[in-house]
Amino acid sequence: MMAGFFNADNKLWSAVNSAVDAIILNVMWLFTCIPIITLGAATTAFYYTTHKVIRNQRSGIWKEYWSSFKGNFKQATKTWLIFLVMFIMFYLDITICTEYLKAGDKIGIMAYFFLGLTALALMWFMYVFAYIARFEDNMKTTLKNAAIMAFSHPGHSLIVMVIMSAVVFVCSTYIMFSWFVPAIAMVFLNVVLEKVFRKYMSEDELEAEQENDMMRR
C-alpha cells in the first residue's frame, strides 16, 4: 500500500509534487524580481515553467526556469521597461487624483479612470510576457499580437484582468501571501491563456510540442 502511495503515478502524490514545485517556482520568481529591472524576464520564466513543469509534468524546474530567464532576458527586459514607465505614470496619476478626491475636488474622480487603465495594463502585461514565453517575435510584433489576442478574446481577457488585479491587491495588502498566491494565480492564468494561444497554433505545432514535452518528462 505504501509503495503504491509513493508511486510517481499516484494522483495524490503527483498533486503534492506539483504543489511543492509551484511554491519553489514562486520563491525563484520573487528572488529574481528583487532587482525591479528583471521583473519582465522573471515573469516570462515563471509562466514558461508553470506551463512546462507544473502543468505538463516536465522534469527539471530549475533548468527550465533559468533556460527561459536567460533566453528571453534581453527582449523581456526591454519590453518590461515600457510597462514600468506606464505603471509609474498611472501610480502618480492615481495618487494625485486621490488627494483631490480627499479634498472634495470633483476632478479626483479621475482616480477611478486611472485604476481602470491600470487593470487593463496589467491584463496586457500578462498577455505580453506569456506571449514572449511561448512564441518568438520582435518586441513590436509581440506587443501588437498580444493586444490583438487580448481584445479578440474579451471573456478570457476579463478573467486575466480580474486575476492580475486580485494578485496585486492581495500581495500588496498581505505581503506574506506573496510567497504562494502568485503561483496559484499563474496556474489559472496559464489555463486561460493557453486556451487563447492554442487558437493561433497549427495542429503540427501542437503535436510537436506535445511530443517534446513527453520526451522530457
N, C-alpha and C. Protein backbone atom coordinates (compact mmCIF):
# COMPACT_ATOMS: atom_id res chain seq x y z
N MET A 1 0.83 -1.21 0.00
CA MET A 1 0.00 0.00 0.00
C MET A 1 0.86 1.25 0.00
N MET A 2 1.89 1.26 0.89
CA MET A 2 2.78 2.43 0.96
C MET A 2 3.53 2.63 -0.34
N ALA A 3 3.93 1.50 -0.97
CA ALA A 3 4.65 1.60 -2.24
C ALA A 3 3.77 2.24 -3.29
N GLY A 4 2.47 1.89 -3.26
CA GLY A 4 1.54 2.49 -4.20
C GLY A 4 1.34 3.97 -3.95
N PHE A 5 1.35 4.35 -2.67
CA PHE A 5 1.14 5.76 -2.32
C PHE A 5 2.27 6.63 -2.83
N PHE A 6 3.50 6.14 -2.70
CA PHE A 6 4.66 6.93 -3.13
C PHE A 6 5.03 6.72 -4.59
N ASN A 7 4.25 5.93 -5.29
CA ASN A 7 4.47 5.74 -6.72
C ASN A 7 4.27 7.05 -7.46
N ALA A 8 5.15 7.33 -8.41
CA ALA A 8 5.10 8.61 -9.13
C ALA A 8 3.79 8.79 -9.89
N ASP A 9 3.11 7.65 -10.20
CA ASP A 9 1.86 7.72 -10.96
C ASP A 9 0.65 7.96 -10.07
N ASN A 10 0.85 7.91 -8.75
CA ASN A 10 -0.24 8.17 -7.82
C ASN A 10 -0.69 9.62 -7.96
N LYS A 11 -2.01 9.83 -8.18
CA LYS A 11 -2.52 11.17 -8.46
C LYS A 11 -2.32 12.12 -7.28
N LEU A 12 -2.53 11.61 -6.06
CA LEU A 12 -2.36 12.46 -4.88
C LEU A 12 -0.91 12.88 -4.73
N TRP A 13 0.00 11.92 -4.89
CA TRP A 13 1.42 12.22 -4.76
C TRP A 13 1.88 13.17 -5.86
N SER A 14 1.34 12.99 -7.06
CA SER A 14 1.66 13.87 -8.17
C SER A 14 1.19 15.30 -7.88
N ALA A 15 0.01 15.43 -7.28
CA ALA A 15 -0.53 16.75 -6.93
C ALA A 15 0.34 17.41 -5.87
N VAL A 16 0.81 16.62 -4.88
CA VAL A 16 1.68 17.15 -3.83
C VAL A 16 2.99 17.65 -4.43
N ASN A 17 3.56 16.85 -5.34
CA ASN A 17 4.81 17.25 -6.01
C ASN A 17 4.63 18.54 -6.80
N SER A 18 3.49 18.66 -7.50
CA SER A 18 3.21 19.85 -8.29
C SER A 18 3.07 21.07 -7.39
N ALA A 19 2.42 20.88 -6.22
CA ALA A 19 2.23 21.99 -5.28
C ALA A 19 3.58 22.46 -4.73
N VAL A 20 4.45 21.51 -4.41
CA VAL A 20 5.79 21.86 -3.91
C VAL A 20 6.58 22.58 -4.99
N ASP A 21 6.52 22.07 -6.22
CA ASP A 21 7.22 22.71 -7.34
C ASP A 21 6.71 24.13 -7.55
N ALA A 22 5.39 24.33 -7.41
CA ALA A 22 4.80 25.65 -7.61
C ALA A 22 5.30 26.64 -6.58
N ILE A 23 5.42 26.20 -5.33
CA ILE A 23 5.92 27.08 -4.26
C ILE A 23 7.39 27.42 -4.49
N ILE A 24 8.18 26.41 -4.89
CA ILE A 24 9.60 26.64 -5.20
C ILE A 24 9.72 27.64 -6.35
N LEU A 25 8.89 27.45 -7.36
CA LEU A 25 8.89 28.33 -8.53
C LEU A 25 8.52 29.76 -8.12
N ASN A 26 7.55 29.88 -7.21
CA ASN A 26 7.13 31.18 -6.71
C ASN A 26 8.28 31.90 -6.02
N VAL A 27 9.03 31.14 -5.20
CA VAL A 27 10.18 31.71 -4.48
C VAL A 27 11.26 32.16 -5.46
N MET A 28 11.51 31.33 -6.48
CA MET A 28 12.50 31.69 -7.50
C MET A 28 12.09 32.99 -8.20
N TRP A 29 10.80 33.09 -8.53
CA TRP A 29 10.30 34.30 -9.19
C TRP A 29 10.49 35.53 -8.30
N LEU A 30 10.14 35.40 -7.02
CA LEU A 30 10.27 36.54 -6.10
C LEU A 30 11.72 37.03 -6.02
N PHE A 31 12.64 36.09 -5.88
CA PHE A 31 14.04 36.49 -5.74
C PHE A 31 14.61 37.08 -7.02
N THR A 32 14.16 36.59 -8.17
CA THR A 32 14.67 37.15 -9.43
C THR A 32 13.94 38.43 -9.82
N CYS A 33 12.91 38.79 -9.04
CA CYS A 33 12.21 40.06 -9.27
C CYS A 33 12.79 41.19 -8.42
N ILE A 34 13.61 40.83 -7.44
CA ILE A 34 14.12 41.84 -6.49
C ILE A 34 14.81 42.99 -7.19
N PRO A 35 15.71 42.74 -8.16
CA PRO A 35 16.14 43.89 -8.97
C PRO A 35 14.98 44.19 -9.93
N ILE A 36 14.22 45.25 -9.68
CA ILE A 36 12.98 45.50 -10.41
C ILE A 36 13.13 45.37 -11.93
N ILE A 37 14.32 45.68 -12.43
CA ILE A 37 14.53 45.66 -13.87
C ILE A 37 14.39 44.25 -14.46
N THR A 38 14.51 43.21 -13.63
CA THR A 38 14.44 41.84 -14.11
C THR A 38 13.03 41.25 -14.02
N LEU A 39 12.04 42.04 -13.61
CA LEU A 39 10.70 41.50 -13.41
C LEU A 39 10.11 40.92 -14.69
N GLY A 40 10.39 41.52 -15.83
CA GLY A 40 9.87 41.01 -17.09
C GLY A 40 10.40 39.63 -17.42
N ALA A 41 11.71 39.47 -17.32
CA ALA A 41 12.33 38.17 -17.61
C ALA A 41 11.88 37.13 -16.60
N ALA A 42 11.73 37.54 -15.34
CA ALA A 42 11.30 36.62 -14.28
C ALA A 42 9.87 36.15 -14.52
N THR A 43 9.00 37.06 -14.92
CA THR A 43 7.60 36.70 -15.17
C THR A 43 7.48 35.80 -16.40
N THR A 44 8.30 36.05 -17.40
CA THR A 44 8.32 35.19 -18.58
C THR A 44 8.73 33.77 -18.19
N ALA A 45 9.78 33.65 -17.39
CA ALA A 45 10.26 32.35 -16.94
C ALA A 45 9.23 31.68 -16.02
N PHE A 46 8.56 32.47 -15.21
CA PHE A 46 7.52 31.98 -14.31
C PHE A 46 6.39 31.32 -15.11
N TYR A 47 5.94 32.02 -16.14
CA TYR A 47 4.86 31.48 -16.98
C TYR A 47 5.32 30.23 -17.71
N TYR A 48 6.49 30.31 -18.33
CA TYR A 48 7.01 29.20 -19.13
C TYR A 48 7.16 27.94 -18.28
N THR A 49 7.74 28.07 -17.10
CA THR A 49 7.99 26.91 -16.23
C THR A 49 6.69 26.37 -15.66
N THR A 50 5.74 27.25 -15.37
CA THR A 50 4.43 26.79 -14.92
C THR A 50 3.78 25.92 -15.99
N HIS A 51 3.89 26.37 -17.24
CA HIS A 51 3.30 25.62 -18.35
C HIS A 51 4.00 24.29 -18.58
N LYS A 52 5.33 24.31 -18.59
CA LYS A 52 6.08 23.12 -18.94
C LYS A 52 6.21 22.11 -17.79
N VAL A 53 6.46 22.62 -16.59
CA VAL A 53 6.74 21.72 -15.46
C VAL A 53 5.50 21.44 -14.62
N ILE A 54 4.81 22.49 -14.20
CA ILE A 54 3.66 22.30 -13.31
C ILE A 54 2.49 21.66 -14.06
N ARG A 55 2.19 22.13 -15.26
CA ARG A 55 1.00 21.64 -15.98
C ARG A 55 1.30 20.49 -16.93
N ASN A 56 2.50 20.45 -17.50
CA ASN A 56 2.80 19.39 -18.47
C ASN A 56 3.83 18.39 -17.97
N GLN A 57 4.12 18.46 -16.68
CA GLN A 57 4.91 17.44 -15.99
C GLN A 57 6.32 17.21 -16.54
N ARG A 58 6.91 18.26 -17.11
CA ARG A 58 8.33 18.13 -17.47
C ARG A 58 9.15 18.08 -16.18
N SER A 59 10.32 17.48 -16.27
CA SER A 59 11.21 17.45 -15.11
C SER A 59 12.20 18.61 -15.21
N GLY A 60 12.78 18.98 -14.08
CA GLY A 60 13.83 20.00 -14.08
C GLY A 60 13.32 21.41 -13.96
N ILE A 61 12.66 21.73 -12.84
CA ILE A 61 12.10 23.06 -12.64
C ILE A 61 13.18 24.14 -12.69
N TRP A 62 14.33 23.85 -12.06
CA TRP A 62 15.44 24.80 -12.02
C TRP A 62 15.97 25.05 -13.43
N LYS A 63 16.20 23.99 -14.18
CA LYS A 63 16.75 24.10 -15.53
C LYS A 63 15.80 24.85 -16.46
N GLU A 64 14.51 24.52 -16.42
CA GLU A 64 13.54 25.15 -17.30
C GLU A 64 13.40 26.64 -16.99
N TYR A 65 13.39 26.98 -15.70
CA TYR A 65 13.24 28.38 -15.30
C TYR A 65 14.40 29.22 -15.81
N TRP A 66 15.62 28.76 -15.54
CA TRP A 66 16.79 29.57 -15.93
C TRP A 66 17.01 29.58 -17.43
N SER A 67 16.61 28.52 -18.10
CA SER A 67 16.71 28.49 -19.56
C SER A 67 15.83 29.59 -20.16
N SER A 68 14.59 29.69 -19.67
CA SER A 68 13.69 30.73 -20.16
C SER A 68 14.14 32.12 -19.74
N PHE A 69 14.59 32.23 -18.49
CA PHE A 69 15.03 33.53 -17.96
C PHE A 69 16.16 34.11 -18.80
N LYS A 70 17.18 33.28 -19.05
CA LYS A 70 18.34 33.75 -19.81
C LYS A 70 18.02 33.92 -21.29
N GLY A 71 17.23 33.00 -21.83
CA GLY A 71 16.92 33.04 -23.25
C GLY A 71 16.06 34.23 -23.65
N ASN A 72 15.20 34.69 -22.74
CA ASN A 72 14.29 35.80 -23.05
C ASN A 72 14.66 37.10 -22.34
N PHE A 73 15.81 37.11 -21.67
CA PHE A 73 16.17 38.25 -20.82
C PHE A 73 16.18 39.58 -21.58
N LYS A 74 16.84 39.61 -22.71
CA LYS A 74 17.01 40.86 -23.45
C LYS A 74 15.67 41.45 -23.88
N GLN A 75 14.87 40.65 -24.58
CA GLN A 75 13.59 41.15 -25.07
C GLN A 75 12.62 41.45 -23.93
N ALA A 76 12.57 40.55 -22.95
CA ALA A 76 11.64 40.74 -21.83
C ALA A 76 11.98 41.98 -21.02
N THR A 77 13.26 42.27 -20.86
CA THR A 77 13.67 43.44 -20.09
C THR A 77 13.33 44.73 -20.81
N LYS A 78 13.62 44.77 -22.12
CA LYS A 78 13.27 45.96 -22.90
C LYS A 78 11.76 46.22 -22.87
N THR A 79 11.00 45.15 -23.01
CA THR A 79 9.54 45.28 -23.01
C THR A 79 9.04 45.71 -21.64
N TRP A 80 9.63 45.15 -20.59
CA TRP A 80 9.23 45.48 -19.23
C TRP A 80 9.46 46.96 -18.92
N LEU A 81 10.51 47.55 -19.46
CA LEU A 81 10.79 48.96 -19.20
C LEU A 81 9.65 49.86 -19.71
N ILE A 82 9.02 49.44 -20.81
CA ILE A 82 7.86 50.19 -21.33
C ILE A 82 6.71 50.13 -20.33
N PHE A 83 6.46 48.93 -19.82
CA PHE A 83 5.38 48.77 -18.84
C PHE A 83 5.72 49.47 -17.52
N LEU A 84 6.99 49.45 -17.14
CA LEU A 84 7.39 50.09 -15.89
C LEU A 84 7.08 51.58 -15.93
N VAL A 85 7.43 52.23 -17.04
CA VAL A 85 7.12 53.65 -17.20
C VAL A 85 5.61 53.88 -17.15
N MET A 86 4.86 53.01 -17.81
CA MET A 86 3.41 53.11 -17.84
C MET A 86 2.82 52.99 -16.43
N PHE A 87 3.28 51.98 -15.69
CA PHE A 87 2.75 51.77 -14.34
C PHE A 87 3.13 52.91 -13.39
N ILE A 88 4.32 53.47 -13.54
CA ILE A 88 4.73 54.61 -12.71
C ILE A 88 3.83 55.81 -12.99
N MET A 89 3.55 56.05 -14.26
CA MET A 89 2.68 57.17 -14.63
C MET A 89 1.27 56.99 -14.06
N PHE A 90 0.73 55.78 -14.17
CA PHE A 90 -0.61 55.51 -13.63
C PHE A 90 -0.62 55.66 -12.11
N TYR A 91 0.45 55.20 -11.46
CA TYR A 91 0.54 55.31 -10.00
C TYR A 91 0.52 56.77 -9.56
N LEU A 92 1.31 57.59 -10.25
CA LEU A 92 1.35 59.01 -9.91
C LEU A 92 0.00 59.68 -10.17
N ASP A 93 -0.64 59.32 -11.29
CA ASP A 93 -1.96 59.88 -11.60
C ASP A 93 -2.98 59.51 -10.53
N ILE A 94 -2.97 58.24 -10.13
CA ILE A 94 -3.91 57.77 -9.11
C ILE A 94 -3.66 58.46 -7.78
N THR A 95 -2.38 58.62 -7.43
CA THR A 95 -2.02 59.26 -6.16
C THR A 95 -2.49 60.72 -6.13
N ILE A 96 -2.23 61.43 -7.22
CA ILE A 96 -2.61 62.84 -7.29
C ILE A 96 -4.13 63.00 -7.26
N CYS A 97 -4.83 62.18 -8.05
CA CYS A 97 -6.30 62.28 -8.11
C CYS A 97 -6.94 61.88 -6.78
N THR A 98 -6.32 60.94 -6.08
CA THR A 98 -6.84 60.53 -4.77
C THR A 98 -6.77 61.69 -3.78
N GLU A 99 -5.70 62.46 -3.86
CA GLU A 99 -5.57 63.63 -2.97
C GLU A 99 -6.65 64.66 -3.30
N TYR A 100 -6.93 64.87 -4.56
CA TYR A 100 -8.01 65.78 -4.95
C TYR A 100 -9.36 65.27 -4.44
N LEU A 101 -9.54 63.94 -4.52
CA LEU A 101 -10.79 63.33 -4.07
C LEU A 101 -10.98 63.54 -2.57
N LYS A 102 -9.90 63.38 -1.82
CA LYS A 102 -9.96 63.60 -0.37
C LYS A 102 -10.30 65.04 -0.03
N ALA A 103 -9.84 65.95 -0.89
CA ALA A 103 -10.08 67.38 -0.66
C ALA A 103 -11.47 67.80 -1.14
N GLY A 104 -12.21 66.86 -1.74
CA GLY A 104 -13.56 67.18 -2.20
C GLY A 104 -13.63 67.75 -3.60
N ASP A 105 -12.50 67.74 -4.33
CA ASP A 105 -12.48 68.26 -5.69
C ASP A 105 -12.99 67.18 -6.65
N LYS A 106 -13.93 67.55 -7.51
CA LYS A 106 -14.56 66.59 -8.42
C LYS A 106 -13.57 65.94 -9.38
N ILE A 107 -12.48 66.62 -9.66
CA ILE A 107 -11.50 66.05 -10.59
C ILE A 107 -10.88 64.77 -10.01
N GLY A 108 -11.01 64.62 -8.72
CA GLY A 108 -10.45 63.44 -8.06
C GLY A 108 -11.07 62.14 -8.51
N ILE A 109 -12.29 62.22 -9.08
CA ILE A 109 -12.96 61.01 -9.56
C ILE A 109 -12.17 60.34 -10.69
N MET A 110 -11.24 61.10 -11.29
CA MET A 110 -10.39 60.53 -12.34
C MET A 110 -9.50 59.41 -11.81
N ALA A 111 -9.39 59.31 -10.50
CA ALA A 111 -8.61 58.22 -9.90
C ALA A 111 -9.16 56.87 -10.34
N TYR A 112 -10.49 56.77 -10.45
CA TYR A 112 -11.12 55.52 -10.85
C TYR A 112 -10.84 55.21 -12.32
N PHE A 113 -10.74 56.27 -13.12
CA PHE A 113 -10.40 56.10 -14.52
C PHE A 113 -9.00 55.51 -14.67
N PHE A 114 -8.07 56.06 -13.91
CA PHE A 114 -6.69 55.57 -13.99
C PHE A 114 -6.55 54.18 -13.36
N LEU A 115 -7.39 53.85 -12.38
CA LEU A 115 -7.40 52.50 -11.83
C LEU A 115 -7.84 51.51 -12.90
N GLY A 116 -8.84 51.91 -13.68
CA GLY A 116 -9.31 51.06 -14.78
C GLY A 116 -8.23 50.85 -15.83
N LEU A 117 -7.50 51.92 -16.16
CA LEU A 117 -6.41 51.81 -17.13
C LEU A 117 -5.30 50.90 -16.59
N THR A 118 -5.06 50.98 -15.29
CA THR A 118 -4.04 50.13 -14.67
C THR A 118 -4.43 48.66 -14.77
N ALA A 119 -5.71 48.37 -14.55
CA ALA A 119 -6.20 46.99 -14.66
C ALA A 119 -6.04 46.47 -16.09
N LEU A 120 -6.35 47.33 -17.07
CA LEU A 120 -6.17 46.94 -18.47
C LEU A 120 -4.69 46.70 -18.79
N ALA A 121 -3.83 47.57 -18.24
CA ALA A 121 -2.39 47.43 -18.47
C ALA A 121 -1.86 46.14 -17.85
N LEU A 122 -2.39 45.77 -16.68
CA LEU A 122 -1.99 44.52 -16.04
C LEU A 122 -2.38 43.32 -16.90
N MET A 123 -3.57 43.41 -17.49
CA MET A 123 -4.02 42.33 -18.37
C MET A 123 -3.12 42.22 -19.59
N TRP A 124 -2.81 43.34 -20.21
CA TRP A 124 -1.93 43.36 -21.38
C TRP A 124 -0.53 42.87 -21.02
N PHE A 125 -0.06 43.30 -19.85
CA PHE A 125 1.24 42.87 -19.33
C PHE A 125 1.34 41.35 -19.31
N MET A 126 0.29 40.70 -18.79
CA MET A 126 0.33 39.25 -18.67
C MET A 126 0.30 38.58 -20.03
N TYR A 127 -0.51 39.10 -20.93
CA TYR A 127 -0.54 38.56 -22.30
C TYR A 127 0.84 38.68 -22.95
N VAL A 128 1.46 39.83 -22.80
CA VAL A 128 2.74 40.09 -23.45
C VAL A 128 3.82 39.14 -22.98
N PHE A 129 3.97 38.98 -21.66
CA PHE A 129 5.08 38.16 -21.17
C PHE A 129 4.79 36.66 -21.30
N ALA A 130 3.51 36.30 -21.30
CA ALA A 130 3.17 34.92 -21.62
C ALA A 130 3.46 34.65 -23.09
N TYR A 131 3.20 35.63 -23.95
CA TYR A 131 3.48 35.52 -25.38
C TYR A 131 4.98 35.34 -25.61
N ILE A 132 5.79 36.13 -24.92
CA ILE A 132 7.25 36.02 -25.05
C ILE A 132 7.71 34.63 -24.65
N ALA A 133 7.07 34.07 -23.61
CA ALA A 133 7.43 32.74 -23.12
C ALA A 133 7.10 31.65 -24.13
N ARG A 134 6.09 31.89 -24.97
CA ARG A 134 5.58 30.83 -25.84
C ARG A 134 5.92 30.99 -27.31
N PHE A 135 6.20 32.22 -27.75
CA PHE A 135 6.46 32.47 -29.17
C PHE A 135 7.72 33.31 -29.36
N GLU A 136 8.24 33.30 -30.58
CA GLU A 136 9.42 34.09 -30.92
C GLU A 136 9.04 35.18 -31.91
N ASP A 137 9.10 36.44 -31.45
CA ASP A 137 8.80 37.60 -32.29
C ASP A 137 9.58 38.78 -31.76
N ASN A 138 9.70 39.83 -32.59
CA ASN A 138 10.36 41.04 -32.10
C ASN A 138 9.42 41.79 -31.15
N MET A 139 9.93 42.80 -30.47
CA MET A 139 9.16 43.48 -29.43
C MET A 139 7.90 44.14 -29.99
N LYS A 140 8.03 44.80 -31.13
CA LYS A 140 6.88 45.49 -31.71
C LYS A 140 5.76 44.51 -32.06
N THR A 141 6.12 43.41 -32.70
CA THR A 141 5.14 42.40 -33.08
C THR A 141 4.52 41.74 -31.85
N THR A 142 5.35 41.51 -30.84
CA THR A 142 4.86 40.90 -29.60
C THR A 142 3.80 41.78 -28.93
N LEU A 143 4.10 43.07 -28.79
CA LEU A 143 3.15 44.00 -28.17
C LEU A 143 1.85 44.07 -28.97
N LYS A 144 2.00 44.09 -30.30
CA LYS A 144 0.81 44.19 -31.17
C LYS A 144 -0.02 42.91 -31.11
N ASN A 145 0.63 41.76 -31.26
CA ASN A 145 -0.11 40.50 -31.28
C ASN A 145 -0.77 40.21 -29.94
N ALA A 146 -0.07 40.54 -28.86
CA ALA A 146 -0.64 40.33 -27.53
C ALA A 146 -1.89 41.18 -27.34
N ALA A 147 -1.86 42.42 -27.84
CA ALA A 147 -3.02 43.30 -27.74
C ALA A 147 -4.18 42.78 -28.59
N ILE A 148 -3.87 42.30 -29.80
CA ILE A 148 -4.90 41.75 -30.69
C ILE A 148 -5.56 40.53 -30.04
N MET A 149 -4.74 39.64 -29.50
CA MET A 149 -5.27 38.46 -28.83
C MET A 149 -6.16 38.85 -27.65
N ALA A 150 -5.70 39.81 -26.87
CA ALA A 150 -6.44 40.23 -25.68
C ALA A 150 -7.82 40.77 -26.04
N PHE A 151 -7.88 41.63 -27.05
CA PHE A 151 -9.16 42.24 -27.41
C PHE A 151 -10.02 41.35 -28.30
N SER A 152 -9.41 40.30 -28.87
CA SER A 152 -10.18 39.34 -29.67
C SER A 152 -10.86 38.28 -28.80
N HIS A 153 -10.42 38.20 -27.56
CA HIS A 153 -10.98 37.21 -26.63
C HIS A 153 -11.35 37.91 -25.32
N PRO A 154 -12.38 38.76 -25.33
CA PRO A 154 -12.74 39.57 -24.17
C PRO A 154 -13.08 38.77 -22.92
N GLY A 155 -13.72 37.60 -23.10
CA GLY A 155 -14.07 36.77 -21.94
C GLY A 155 -12.83 36.29 -21.21
N HIS A 156 -11.88 35.75 -21.96
CA HIS A 156 -10.62 35.28 -21.36
C HIS A 156 -9.84 36.45 -20.76
N SER A 157 -9.85 37.57 -21.46
CA SER A 157 -9.09 38.73 -21.01
C SER A 157 -9.66 39.31 -19.73
N LEU A 158 -10.97 39.27 -19.58
CA LEU A 158 -11.60 39.74 -18.35
C LEU A 158 -11.15 38.90 -17.17
N ILE A 159 -11.09 37.58 -17.37
CA ILE A 159 -10.61 36.69 -16.31
C ILE A 159 -9.17 37.01 -15.94
N VAL A 160 -8.33 37.22 -16.98
CA VAL A 160 -6.92 37.56 -16.74
C VAL A 160 -6.82 38.88 -15.96
N MET A 161 -7.61 39.86 -16.33
CA MET A 161 -7.58 41.16 -15.67
C MET A 161 -7.99 41.04 -14.20
N VAL A 162 -9.03 40.26 -13.94
CA VAL A 162 -9.51 40.08 -12.57
C VAL A 162 -8.44 39.37 -11.72
N ILE A 163 -7.84 38.31 -12.28
CA ILE A 163 -6.82 37.57 -11.54
C ILE A 163 -5.62 38.46 -11.25
N MET A 164 -5.14 39.19 -12.25
CA MET A 164 -3.97 40.05 -12.08
C MET A 164 -4.24 41.14 -11.05
N SER A 165 -5.41 41.77 -11.14
CA SER A 165 -5.77 42.83 -10.19
C SER A 165 -5.87 42.28 -8.77
N ALA A 166 -6.45 41.08 -8.64
CA ALA A 166 -6.60 40.46 -7.33
C ALA A 166 -5.24 40.12 -6.72
N VAL A 167 -4.33 39.61 -7.54
CA VAL A 167 -2.99 39.26 -7.06
C VAL A 167 -2.26 40.51 -6.56
N VAL A 168 -2.31 41.58 -7.34
CA VAL A 168 -1.63 42.82 -6.94
C VAL A 168 -2.23 43.34 -5.63
N PHE A 169 -3.56 43.32 -5.54
CA PHE A 169 -4.22 43.82 -4.32
C PHE A 169 -3.86 42.97 -3.10
N VAL A 170 -4.00 41.65 -3.24
CA VAL A 170 -3.75 40.74 -2.11
C VAL A 170 -2.30 40.80 -1.66
N CYS A 171 -1.38 40.74 -2.61
CA CYS A 171 0.05 40.70 -2.25
C CYS A 171 0.56 42.04 -1.73
N SER A 172 -0.05 43.14 -2.15
CA SER A 172 0.37 44.44 -1.63
C SER A 172 -0.26 44.72 -0.27
N THR A 173 -1.40 44.07 0.00
CA THR A 173 -2.07 44.25 1.29
C THR A 173 -1.54 43.27 2.34
N TYR A 174 -1.32 42.04 1.92
CA TYR A 174 -0.81 41.00 2.81
C TYR A 174 0.47 40.43 2.20
N ILE A 175 1.58 41.04 2.53
CA ILE A 175 2.86 40.73 1.88
C ILE A 175 3.24 39.26 2.00
N MET A 176 2.92 38.62 3.12
CA MET A 176 3.30 37.22 3.32
C MET A 176 2.63 36.30 2.29
N PHE A 177 1.49 36.72 1.75
CA PHE A 177 0.81 35.91 0.74
C PHE A 177 1.59 35.86 -0.57
N SER A 178 2.58 36.75 -0.69
CA SER A 178 3.38 36.80 -1.92
C SER A 178 4.20 35.53 -2.14
N TRP A 179 4.36 34.73 -1.05
CA TRP A 179 5.16 33.52 -1.17
C TRP A 179 4.44 32.37 -1.86
N PHE A 180 3.10 32.49 -2.03
CA PHE A 180 2.40 31.38 -2.70
C PHE A 180 1.23 31.82 -3.59
N VAL A 181 0.63 32.97 -3.34
CA VAL A 181 -0.51 33.41 -4.14
C VAL A 181 -0.16 33.57 -5.63
N PRO A 182 0.98 34.18 -5.99
CA PRO A 182 1.31 34.30 -7.42
C PRO A 182 1.38 32.96 -8.14
N ALA A 183 1.87 31.92 -7.44
CA ALA A 183 1.96 30.59 -8.07
C ALA A 183 0.58 30.03 -8.37
N ILE A 184 -0.34 30.19 -7.42
CA ILE A 184 -1.72 29.72 -7.63
C ILE A 184 -2.33 30.47 -8.81
N ALA A 185 -2.14 31.79 -8.81
CA ALA A 185 -2.69 32.62 -9.87
C ALA A 185 -2.10 32.26 -11.22
N MET A 186 -0.79 31.97 -11.26
CA MET A 186 -0.13 31.67 -12.52
C MET A 186 -0.65 30.38 -13.15
N VAL A 187 -1.02 29.41 -12.32
CA VAL A 187 -1.59 28.17 -12.84
C VAL A 187 -2.92 28.47 -13.55
N PHE A 188 -3.76 29.27 -12.90
CA PHE A 188 -5.05 29.64 -13.51
C PHE A 188 -4.85 30.51 -14.76
N LEU A 189 -3.89 31.42 -14.69
CA LEU A 189 -3.59 32.26 -15.85
C LEU A 189 -3.11 31.42 -17.02
N ASN A 190 -2.31 30.41 -16.72
CA ASN A 190 -1.80 29.53 -17.77
C ASN A 190 -2.94 28.76 -18.43
N VAL A 191 -3.88 28.30 -17.63
CA VAL A 191 -5.03 27.57 -18.17
C VAL A 191 -5.82 28.47 -19.13
N VAL A 192 -6.06 29.70 -18.70
CA VAL A 192 -6.85 30.65 -19.51
C VAL A 192 -6.10 31.06 -20.77
N LEU A 193 -4.85 31.47 -20.62
CA LEU A 193 -4.09 31.98 -21.76
C LEU A 193 -3.75 30.91 -22.79
N GLU A 194 -3.52 29.69 -22.33
CA GLU A 194 -3.22 28.62 -23.28
C GLU A 194 -4.42 28.32 -24.18
N LYS A 195 -5.62 28.51 -23.66
CA LYS A 195 -6.81 28.33 -24.50
C LYS A 195 -6.83 29.34 -25.64
N VAL A 196 -6.30 30.54 -25.36
CA VAL A 196 -6.19 31.57 -26.40
C VAL A 196 -5.05 31.24 -27.35
N PHE A 197 -3.88 30.95 -26.81
CA PHE A 197 -2.70 30.71 -27.63
C PHE A 197 -2.88 29.53 -28.59
N ARG A 198 -3.56 28.49 -28.13
CA ARG A 198 -3.74 27.29 -28.96
C ARG A 198 -4.55 27.58 -30.22
N LYS A 199 -5.36 28.62 -30.17
CA LYS A 199 -6.14 29.01 -31.35
C LYS A 199 -5.25 29.55 -32.46
N TYR A 200 -4.03 29.97 -32.10
CA TYR A 200 -3.12 30.57 -33.07
C TYR A 200 -1.97 29.62 -33.44
N MET A 201 -2.06 28.38 -32.97
CA MET A 201 -1.03 27.39 -33.26
C MET A 201 -1.61 26.31 -34.18
N SER A 202 -0.80 25.87 -35.13
CA SER A 202 -1.26 24.83 -36.06
C SER A 202 -1.28 23.47 -35.36
N GLU A 203 -1.96 22.51 -35.96
CA GLU A 203 -2.01 21.16 -35.40
C GLU A 203 -0.61 20.55 -35.34
N ASP A 204 0.20 20.82 -36.36
CA ASP A 204 1.57 20.29 -36.38
C ASP A 204 2.39 20.86 -35.22
N GLU A 205 2.23 22.16 -34.95
CA GLU A 205 2.96 22.78 -33.85
C GLU A 205 2.53 22.21 -32.51
N LEU A 206 1.24 21.99 -32.35
CA LEU A 206 0.72 21.44 -31.10
C LEU A 206 1.20 20.01 -30.88
N GLU A 207 1.20 19.22 -31.94
CA GLU A 207 1.65 17.83 -31.85
C GLU A 207 3.15 17.76 -31.55
N ALA A 208 3.93 18.62 -32.21
CA ALA A 208 5.37 18.64 -31.98
C ALA A 208 5.69 19.05 -30.55
N GLU A 209 4.95 20.01 -30.04
CA GLU A 209 5.18 20.46 -28.66
C GLU A 209 4.82 19.35 -27.67
N GLN A 210 3.72 18.66 -27.91
CA GLN A 210 3.30 17.58 -27.03
C GLN A 210 4.33 16.46 -27.00
N GLU A 211 4.86 16.11 -28.17
CA GLU A 211 5.87 15.06 -28.25
C GLU A 211 7.14 15.48 -27.53
N ASN A 212 7.52 16.75 -27.67
CA ASN A 212 8.71 17.27 -27.00
C ASN A 212 8.56 17.22 -25.49
N ASP A 213 7.36 17.58 -25.00
CA ASP A 213 7.10 17.53 -23.56
C ASP A 213 7.16 16.10 -23.03
N MET A 214 6.61 15.16 -23.79
CA MET A 214 6.62 13.75 -23.39
C MET A 214 8.04 13.21 -23.28
N MET A 215 8.89 13.61 -24.22
CA MET A 215 10.27 13.13 -24.24
C MET A 215 11.08 13.67 -23.07
N ARG A 216 10.68 14.84 -22.53
CA ARG A 216 11.47 15.49 -21.48
C ARG A 216 10.89 15.29 -20.10
N ARG A 217 9.96 14.36 -19.94
CA ARG A 217 9.41 14.06 -18.62
C ARG A 217 10.35 13.19 -17.81
